Each structure stands twice: as structure tokens, then as C-alpha cells.
Amino acid sequence: MNPDKLFEKFPDLLFSGFRQQMLLGKVPADVVQQILEPLLSNFQEIMFQLPSDLQADLENVLRIYPDVAERFGVWIKPPVAWSLRGFARRRQETYQDLDMAAEPQQGFQVTKKSFASSFPEEGQGFFTTDRGNPVYIEFSSSEEGDFACFEYKPPRFAIEIRICGRCAATLTPDSPRQQIPADRLSQILTDCTGEIEIRIIELT
């Protein structure tokens, strides 16, 4: 099945009776593989053509069936917002450990957690820019926890990643990967109230 025909047929496949069953993990893996094989054989290109709700559903299906994805060289990481929440939580735990270690101890010793054990966080996601174009973003943090990184694949135009209204990174075709200090990202996330909102702004 060529990509154009698959693009036309895939919504029907996903929204048929299989969709909810796949999202619940009730469909055998070999059946999921047969359904998704044409898409997984050309994953990145076809994902960019799908509406955002279908992209999200497909990513969630592949998180439930990672073995199916890996057979085609596709590795699905957690959603970026989920990874950012984990990053913020672990940073907060690290600061609490430092505060406890700095306090005078009374008859017992506090064993500090290894910073490396709290990191790294990784995430990915397909987003729609403010101009309606799909983009793919990956997030990661260093094992030491001293910086975080956003990467844009494939970089087609310049973008700005805004988290809760604040600029977290600017990525371009010439600089598609940017490391930022962990403290700076932590401050942005601390200022978020409620859900972590991620917006991708195209730059002219």
C-alpha cells in the first residue's frame, strides 16, 4: 500500500473497532503489527501527514506495543509534557535532599540520593505550530542533571518552544539541538500552574 492510499485509509483503520481495543492493549501484537506495518515502514513521513489527534492515538498505541514498534526501528518515548513533569519533580526532590543534608543531624545520618539515579528524562512528541505545520520534538536531560536538551527533527524552519508562555528554546535548521541549564528550565516549570502547556511558534 503506497503512502497516499495508507493516509486515506488509516483513519478508518484506527477509528474502527480496533482503535479502542488497541489503546486498551486487548489486540494481539501480531494483529497490531499487520494493521500498522505499512505505516511503521514509513513512520516519520506518514506521521507528519496525520492530524494531531491521530498522531497522539498512534503514539499511545505504540507505547502499549513497544515490541511492534521496535521491529521497525521505531522507539516511542514518553510524551514531552510527561517527561517535563518528571524532570521538575526530580529536580525538586534533589533540592529537598540537599536541604536535609545541610540541616544539623540528631543521632542519625541522612544518605543522599545519587543525582545520576534521578536522571535522565526523555520524551518526544509531534506538535502543530501556530501556523498549522506539524513538527517533531525530542526532550532529554543529562545524567548529572545539570542541563536539559530540546531537539527538532527534521528541522525545516526556525521555531521557538514555549512552555507555559515562556521561551524555553529556539531551534533552527542550522541549530536543531539546544542545551539549556537545568536551573533555567526548572524555573520555567515552577512558574507553570496546572497543566504544562507547550506551544511551538514558527519564526520568520
Protein backbone atom coordinates (compact mmCIF):
# COMPACT_ATOMS: atom_id res chain seq x y z
CA MET A 1 0.00 0.00 0.00
CA ASN A 2 1.53 3.33 -1.05
CA PRO A 3 1.68 6.25 1.43
CA ASP A 4 -1.17 8.18 -0.24
CA LYS A 5 -3.60 5.26 -0.05
CA LEU A 6 -2.48 4.50 3.50
CA PHE A 7 -3.02 8.12 4.52
CA GLU A 8 -6.60 7.93 3.20
CA LYS A 9 -7.33 4.56 4.81
CA PHE A 10 -5.50 4.87 8.14
CA PRO A 11 -8.15 6.97 9.98
CA ASP A 12 -10.74 4.32 9.13
CA LEU A 13 -8.44 1.58 10.42
CA LEU A 14 -7.65 3.41 13.63
CA PHE A 15 -11.18 4.54 14.32
CA SER A 16 -12.71 1.19 13.54
CA GLY A 17 -13.41 -1.28 16.32
CA PHE A 18 -9.66 -1.86 16.68
CA ARG A 19 -8.85 1.63 17.94
CA GLN A 20 -10.19 1.37 21.48
CA GLN A 21 -9.09 -2.24 21.79
CA MET A 22 -5.53 -1.36 20.77
CA LEU A 23 -5.46 1.56 23.22
CA LEU A 24 -6.53 -0.88 25.94
CA GLY A 25 -3.91 -3.43 24.88
CA LYS A 26 -6.54 -6.06 24.05
CA VAL A 27 -5.48 -6.76 20.45
CA PRO A 28 -2.77 -9.43 19.93
CA ALA A 29 0.59 -7.93 18.98
CA ASP A 30 0.77 -9.82 15.69
CA VAL A 31 -2.58 -8.32 14.62
CA VAL A 32 -1.40 -4.82 15.59
CA GLN A 33 1.74 -5.39 13.53
CA GLN A 34 -0.32 -6.39 10.48
CA ILE A 35 -2.53 -3.32 10.82
CA LEU A 36 0.31 -0.84 11.35
CA GLU A 37 3.04 -2.38 9.19
CA PRO A 38 2.51 -0.06 6.18
CA LEU A 39 2.69 2.97 8.46
CA LEU A 40 5.64 1.76 10.55
CA SER A 41 7.61 1.04 7.38
CA ASN A 42 7.47 4.77 6.60
CA PHE A 43 6.74 6.10 10.09
CA GLN A 44 8.19 9.62 10.16
CA GLU A 45 6.89 10.71 6.77
CA ILE A 46 3.34 9.43 7.29
CA MET A 47 3.08 10.73 10.86
CA PHE A 48 3.65 14.26 9.57
CA GLN A 49 0.60 13.85 7.32
CA LEU A 50 -1.79 12.72 10.07
CA PRO A 51 -3.99 15.05 12.13
CA SER A 52 -2.72 15.69 15.66
CA ASP A 53 -5.38 13.52 17.32
CA LEU A 54 -4.41 10.53 15.17
CA GLN A 55 -0.73 11.16 15.87
CA ALA A 56 -1.43 11.06 19.60
CA ASP A 57 -3.50 7.87 19.30
CA LEU A 58 -0.82 6.14 17.26
CA GLU A 59 1.93 7.13 19.68
CA ASN A 60 -0.14 5.78 22.57
CA VAL A 61 -0.80 2.51 20.73
CA LEU A 62 2.93 2.09 20.10
CA ARG A 63 3.71 2.79 23.77
CA ILE A 64 1.40 -0.11 24.62
CA TYR A 65 3.04 -2.31 21.95
CA PRO A 66 6.73 -1.27 22.07
CA ASP A 67 7.91 -4.60 20.65
CA VAL A 68 5.87 -4.00 17.50
CA ALA A 69 7.39 -0.52 17.08
CA GLU A 70 10.94 -1.74 17.69
CA ARG A 71 10.65 -4.38 14.97
CA PHE A 72 10.51 -1.47 12.52
CA GLY A 73 13.23 0.58 14.21
CA VAL A 74 10.72 2.92 15.89
CA TRP A 75 11.26 3.77 19.57
CA ILE A 76 8.44 5.59 21.32
CA LYS A 77 9.40 7.69 24.33
CA PRO A 78 7.01 9.25 26.86
CA PRO A 79 5.19 12.46 25.87
CA VAL A 80 7.26 15.63 26.29
CA ALA A 81 4.87 17.14 28.86
CA TRP A 82 5.02 13.96 30.95
CA SER A 83 8.84 13.98 30.82
CA LEU A 84 8.95 17.65 31.81
CA ARG A 85 6.79 16.89 34.84
CA GLY A 86 9.18 14.09 35.81
CA PHE A 87 12.15 16.40 35.30
CA ALA A 88 10.61 19.07 37.55
CA ARG A 89 9.68 16.53 40.22
CA ARG A 90 13.16 15.02 40.34
CA ARG A 91 14.78 18.44 40.50
CA GLN A 92 12.56 19.32 43.44
CA GLU A 93 13.45 16.04 45.19
CA THR A 94 17.15 16.76 44.65
CA TYR A 95 16.85 20.20 46.27
CA GLN A 96 14.94 18.69 49.19
CA ASP A 97 17.71 16.13 49.67
CA LEU A 98 20.32 18.91 49.70
CA ASP A 99 18.30 20.88 52.25
CA MET A 100 18.01 17.83 54.51
CA ALA A 101 21.71 17.08 54.21
CA ALA A 102 22.55 20.67 55.16
CA GLU A 103 20.47 20.56 58.35
CA PRO A 104 22.15 19.55 61.64
CA GLN A 105 21.56 15.86 62.25
CA GLN A 106 20.50 14.45 65.60
CA GLY A 107 21.71 10.93 66.12
CA PHE A 108 21.28 9.68 62.57
CA GLN A 109 22.85 10.18 59.16
CA VAL A 110 20.99 11.15 56.00
CA THR A 111 22.07 9.21 52.96
CA LYS A 112 21.83 11.46 49.92
CA LYS A 113 20.40 10.07 46.71
CA SER A 114 22.67 9.74 43.71
CA PHE A 115 21.92 12.55 41.28
CA ALA A 116 22.57 10.18 38.38
CA SER A 117 19.81 7.86 39.59
CA SER A 118 17.24 10.63 39.16
CA PHE A 119 18.12 11.36 35.55
CA PRO A 120 17.88 11.34 32.60
CA GLU A 121 14.34 12.08 31.48
CA GLU A 122 13.42 11.53 27.85
CA GLY A 123 10.35 12.47 25.88
CA GLN A 124 9.07 13.04 22.37
CA GLY A 125 6.07 14.42 20.59
CA PHE A 126 4.52 15.56 17.35
CA PHE A 127 3.22 19.11 17.69
CA THR A 128 1.37 21.56 15.47
CA THR A 129 2.89 25.02 15.14
CA ASP A 130 0.94 28.26 15.42
CA ARG A 131 0.76 28.20 11.61
CA GLY A 132 -0.63 24.68 11.45
CA ASN A 133 2.52 22.81 10.43
CA PRO A 134 3.48 19.51 12.11
CA VAL A 135 6.87 19.27 13.86
CA TYR A 136 8.59 16.54 15.84
CA ILE A 137 10.43 17.43 19.08
CA GLU A 138 12.55 15.34 21.45
CA PHE A 139 13.42 16.25 25.04
CA SER A 140 16.21 14.82 27.18
CA SER A 141 18.20 15.67 30.27
CA SER A 142 21.76 14.83 31.24
CA GLU A 143 22.52 12.01 33.65
CA GLU A 144 24.15 14.51 36.01
CA GLY A 145 21.03 16.68 35.90
CA ASP A 146 22.89 19.88 35.06
CA PHE A 147 21.28 20.58 31.68
CA ALA A 148 18.31 19.68 29.53
CA CYS A 149 18.07 19.47 25.76
CA PHE A 150 15.44 20.01 23.06
CA GLU A 151 15.97 18.63 19.55
CA TYR A 152 13.96 19.25 16.39
CA LYS A 153 13.78 16.52 13.70
CA PRO A 154 13.88 17.08 10.77
CA PRO A 155 14.47 20.84 11.05
CA ARG A 156 12.55 22.50 8.24
CA PHE A 157 12.20 26.06 9.57
CA ALA A 158 13.04 28.05 12.70
CA ILE A 159 10.83 27.51 15.74
CA GLU A 160 10.51 28.68 19.32
CA ILE A 161 9.41 26.25 22.04
CA ARG A 162 7.26 28.00 24.64
CA ILE A 163 6.41 26.31 27.91
CA CYS A 164 3.57 27.95 29.84
CA GLY A 165 4.08 31.10 27.79
CA ARG A 166 7.86 31.37 28.31
CA CYS A 167 10.53 30.69 25.70
CA ALA A 168 12.45 27.54 26.59
CA ALA A 169 14.45 27.06 23.38
CA THR A 170 14.88 28.41 19.85
CA LEU A 171 15.72 25.81 17.21
CA THR A 172 16.68 26.34 13.58
CA PRO A 173 17.82 24.18 10.64
CA ASP A 174 21.39 25.31 11.44
CA SER A 175 20.99 24.68 15.18
CA PRO A 176 18.33 21.99 15.60
CA ARG A 177 19.53 20.96 19.07
CA GLN A 178 19.85 23.26 22.08
CA GLN A 179 21.06 22.53 25.58
CA ILE A 180 19.73 24.74 28.35
CA PRO A 181 20.75 24.92 32.02
CA ALA A 182 18.59 22.70 34.21
CA ASP A 183 18.04 25.55 36.68
CA ARG A 184 16.57 27.74 33.95
CA LEU A 185 14.14 25.05 32.80
CA SER A 186 13.25 24.25 36.41
CA GLN A 187 12.31 27.90 36.98
CA ILE A 188 10.06 27.91 33.90
CA LEU A 189 8.32 24.74 35.09
CA THR A 190 8.00 26.08 38.63
CA ASP A 191 6.10 29.06 37.26
CA CYS A 192 3.62 26.76 35.46
CA THR A 193 0.27 26.40 37.15
CA GLY A 194 -1.88 23.41 36.27
CA GLU A 195 -1.09 21.54 33.07
CA ILE A 196 2.22 22.09 31.28
CA GLU A 197 1.32 23.94 28.10
CA ILE A 198 3.73 23.53 25.18
CA ARG A 199 3.39 25.78 22.14
CA ILE A 200 5.55 25.76 19.03
CA ILE A 201 5.90 29.16 17.34
CA GLU A 202 7.26 29.47 13.80
CA LEU A 203 9.84 32.21 13.40
CA THR A 204 10.11 34.21 10.18
